[in-house]
Structures are given as C-alpha cells and as structure tokens.
Amino acid sequence: MKKILTIIICLSFNFIIGQEISLIKIGNHHCAIFSEKYELPNSKLPIENRFTPNQEEIKLFEKQLHKELKKFKNDNPNKKKSKKQIFYKNLKKYRRQYLGIIHKSGEKIIFINFLRKMYKFSDSKREKKEIDNSWKREWKFIFDIGNKNWYAKYNINQKK
C-alpha cells in the first residue's frame, strides 16, 4: 500500500512539474507564464501551435495595456465609469496568467487572464492570507468578463 501511495504521489508531482509554469514578478504584478508544454485541460489545441511568452513580450503587452487604458480614460473624462476605467484604476489588484498561441496565419498571440486577488483575514494575527493560489498551477478559463476576473489578447506581430 505504501508503494502504491508513493508511486501516485511521484506521478502527481511529475505531472505538476512537467507542466512548466514560471512564476515571476514584473513590476508590482505577480505573473504565471504557462509554457508551450502546458496541457490545457479539455482542449484539443496541439502543442505545436503554442509558444512560451518571454518577459520582453510580456513587458511590451503591459506597456501597451497601460497606454490603451489611460488613453480611453483621458478621452472619456465625463463618461460614467466604464469597465475599462475600473480596470485601469485597479490593475495592481490582479494576478496575471500568460499563455502563448500561434495562430494558423503564423501570428503569435498571448492570452492574458487577470484574476482579482482574493484575501481572507486571519483573526488571530490580523494578517491577510490569499484564499486561492490555484492560479499558479492551472490555467483559468474565463467565460464572462466582470470586474473580478477578465482576459485580454495581445498580438505580438501587430503590437495590439
């Protein structure tokens, strides 16, 4: 029984390690970069159509994102607060996940998930602890865009 349990634990560990997810910090943002070898759950996208975004590509995206959201905010100062304005104001509150896809036209596209940091406060020590760390281990599929979680696509070739 111990041998079986040991084998299961080793296989699970190898599966997680084999997924090759890099955890980095760019500026104040905590990021998970999913490699081209990461197997997307319930996806038939072949690994050949994937790439691993590098830090330079991510920094270019972040710069473009700030520029676009700031431009929108400045162009619409009197407009009722839109989702874009709320996102811009709260960008620092989101964890990021990056996944690279190569389109059939050959263009490289980065999919970015923005996942709101969720905390609970510990009564005994009055410190906050992150509730969900699964963003570091698994790609999150976002189907509805709200101010809690949202996603973006960035075309590296077109820089937009």
Protein backbone atom coordinates (compact mmCIF):
# COMPACT_ATOMS: atom_id res chain seq x y z
CA MET A 1 0.00 0.00 0.00
CA LYS A 2 2.86 2.39 0.82
CA LYS A 3 4.49 1.63 -2.54
CA ILE A 4 1.28 2.44 -4.42
CA LEU A 5 0.82 5.67 -2.48
CA THR A 6 4.45 6.65 -3.12
CA ILE A 7 4.06 5.98 -6.86
CA ILE A 8 0.85 8.04 -7.04
CA ILE A 9 2.49 10.94 -5.23
CA CYS A 10 5.56 10.80 -7.51
CA LEU A 11 3.42 10.71 -10.65
CA SER A 12 1.32 13.63 -9.43
CA PHE A 13 4.46 15.60 -8.62
CA ASN A 14 5.97 14.84 -12.04
CA PHE A 15 2.75 15.93 -13.77
CA ILE A 16 2.77 19.26 -11.95
CA ILE A 17 6.49 19.84 -12.52
CA GLY A 18 6.16 18.73 -16.15
CA GLN A 19 3.63 21.47 -16.78
CA GLU A 20 6.43 24.07 -16.69
CA ILE A 21 4.78 27.12 -15.23
CA SER A 22 7.09 30.02 -14.39
CA LEU A 23 6.14 32.34 -11.55
CA ILE A 24 7.62 35.80 -11.95
CA LYS A 25 7.06 39.33 -10.76
CA ILE A 26 7.04 42.15 -13.30
CA GLY A 27 6.85 45.49 -11.56
CA ASN A 28 4.23 45.01 -8.84
CA HIS A 29 2.42 42.26 -10.73
CA HIS A 30 2.60 38.57 -9.83
CA CYS A 31 2.52 36.51 -13.00
CA ALA A 32 2.33 32.90 -14.10
CA ILE A 33 3.74 32.10 -17.53
CA PHE A 34 2.41 28.84 -18.94
CA SER A 35 4.91 27.14 -21.22
CA GLU A 36 4.19 25.69 -24.64
CA LYS A 37 4.27 22.25 -22.99
CA TYR A 38 1.47 23.04 -20.57
CA GLU A 39 -1.52 20.82 -21.33
CA LEU A 40 -4.69 22.85 -21.34
CA PRO A 41 -7.49 20.88 -19.69
CA ASN A 42 -10.35 19.98 -22.07
CA SER A 43 -8.51 21.45 -25.06
CA LYS A 44 -7.58 19.86 -28.35
CA LEU A 45 -5.10 22.59 -29.24
CA PRO A 46 -1.88 20.84 -30.28
CA ILE A 47 1.35 21.84 -28.54
CA GLU A 48 2.86 22.65 -31.95
CA ASN A 49 0.52 25.67 -32.06
CA ARG A 50 1.88 27.07 -28.83
CA PHE A 51 4.85 29.10 -27.62
CA THR A 52 6.11 30.32 -24.26
CA PRO A 53 5.82 34.11 -23.89
CA ASN A 54 9.07 35.68 -22.71
CA GLN A 55 9.43 38.56 -20.27
CA GLU A 56 10.18 41.08 -23.01
CA GLU A 57 6.92 40.23 -24.82
CA ILE A 58 5.02 40.49 -21.55
CA LYS A 59 6.55 43.87 -20.74
CA LEU A 60 5.55 45.12 -24.20
CA PHE A 61 1.99 43.97 -23.57
CA GLU A 62 1.86 45.62 -20.11
CA LYS A 63 3.14 48.90 -21.59
CA GLN A 64 0.55 48.78 -24.38
CA LEU A 65 -2.24 47.91 -21.92
CA HIS A 66 -1.46 50.89 -19.68
CA LYS A 67 -1.24 53.15 -22.72
CA GLU A 68 -4.61 51.99 -24.15
CA LEU A 69 -6.50 52.14 -20.85
CA LYS A 70 -5.04 55.55 -19.98
CA LYS A 71 -5.95 56.87 -23.44
CA PHE A 72 -9.52 55.62 -23.02
CA LYS A 73 -9.73 57.26 -19.59
CA ASN A 74 -8.43 60.59 -20.92
CA ASP A 75 -10.70 60.51 -23.98
CA ASN A 76 -13.81 59.91 -21.84
CA PRO A 77 -13.39 62.01 -18.67
CA ASN A 78 -17.09 62.83 -18.14
CA LYS A 79 -18.45 59.45 -19.12
CA LYS A 80 -19.99 57.25 -16.47
CA LYS A 81 -17.32 54.91 -15.12
CA SER A 82 -16.88 52.12 -17.61
CA LYS A 83 -15.28 48.71 -17.12
CA LYS A 84 -12.11 49.95 -18.83
CA GLN A 85 -11.79 52.83 -16.36
CA ILE A 86 -12.39 50.49 -13.41
CA PHE A 87 -9.80 48.03 -14.79
CA TYR A 88 -7.22 50.78 -15.20
CA LYS A 89 -7.74 52.05 -11.67
CA ASN A 90 -7.42 48.54 -10.20
CA LEU A 91 -4.72 46.92 -12.40
CA LYS A 92 -2.44 46.39 -9.42
CA LYS A 93 -5.09 44.20 -7.76
CA TYR A 94 -4.89 41.48 -10.41
CA ARG A 95 -2.70 38.40 -10.75
CA ARG A 96 -1.81 37.58 -14.35
CA GLN A 97 -1.61 34.37 -16.35
CA TYR A 98 0.08 34.32 -19.77
CA LEU A 99 -0.37 31.66 -22.45
CA GLY A 100 1.07 31.82 -25.98
CA ILE A 101 -0.79 30.59 -29.07
CA ILE A 102 0.45 30.58 -32.67
CA HIS A 103 -2.44 31.41 -34.99
CA LYS A 104 -2.78 29.46 -38.23
CA SER A 105 -1.62 32.63 -40.04
CA GLY A 106 1.65 32.38 -38.07
CA GLU A 107 0.96 35.33 -35.79
CA LYS A 108 1.90 34.97 -32.14
CA ILE A 109 -0.90 35.81 -29.72
CA ILE A 110 -0.66 35.98 -25.94
CA PHE A 111 -3.80 35.26 -23.94
CA ILE A 112 -3.76 37.04 -20.58
CA ASN A 113 -6.02 36.31 -17.65
CA PHE A 114 -6.47 38.97 -14.99
CA LEU A 115 -7.54 37.34 -11.75
CA ARG A 116 -8.55 39.52 -8.82
CA LYS A 117 -6.57 38.92 -5.66
CA MET A 118 -8.84 37.43 -3.01
CA TYR A 119 -7.88 37.51 0.65
CA LYS A 120 -9.27 36.48 3.98
CA PHE A 121 -8.17 37.98 7.25
CA SER A 122 -6.80 35.80 10.00
CA ASP A 123 -8.48 36.72 13.27
CA SER A 124 -5.60 35.67 15.47
CA LYS A 125 -2.80 37.60 13.75
CA ARG A 126 -4.77 40.26 11.86
CA GLU A 127 -2.97 39.38 8.65
CA LYS A 128 -4.44 38.70 5.29
CA LYS A 129 -3.93 35.40 3.51
CA GLU A 130 -4.59 34.71 -0.13
CA ILE A 131 -7.64 32.46 -0.49
CA ASP A 132 -6.93 30.81 -3.82
CA ASN A 133 -3.42 30.05 -5.10
CA SER A 134 -4.57 27.75 -7.89
CA TRP A 135 -3.81 30.48 -10.47
CA LYS A 136 -0.15 29.49 -10.01
CA ARG A 137 -0.80 25.89 -11.06
CA GLU A 138 -3.68 25.82 -13.53
CA TRP A 139 -4.95 27.92 -16.40
CA LYS A 140 -8.27 29.56 -15.57
CA PHE A 141 -10.93 29.68 -18.26
CA ILE A 142 -12.88 32.95 -18.08
CA PHE A 143 -16.23 32.96 -19.84
CA ASP A 144 -17.77 36.16 -18.50
CA ILE A 145 -15.93 39.44 -18.14
CA GLY A 146 -16.62 41.27 -14.93
CA ASN A 147 -14.50 43.38 -12.62
CA LYS A 148 -13.43 40.30 -10.64
CA ASN A 149 -11.79 38.35 -13.50
CA TRP A 150 -11.24 39.33 -17.11
CA TYR A 151 -8.98 38.50 -20.03
CA ALA A 152 -7.20 40.11 -22.94
CA LYS A 153 -5.48 39.03 -26.15
CA TYR A 154 -2.26 40.60 -27.39
CA ASN A 155 -0.98 40.10 -30.94
CA ILE A 156 2.81 40.33 -30.76
CA ASN A 157 3.21 40.79 -34.52
CA GLN A 158 0.75 43.70 -34.68
CA LYS A 159 1.64 45.05 -31.21
CA LYS A 160 -2.03 45.36 -30.27
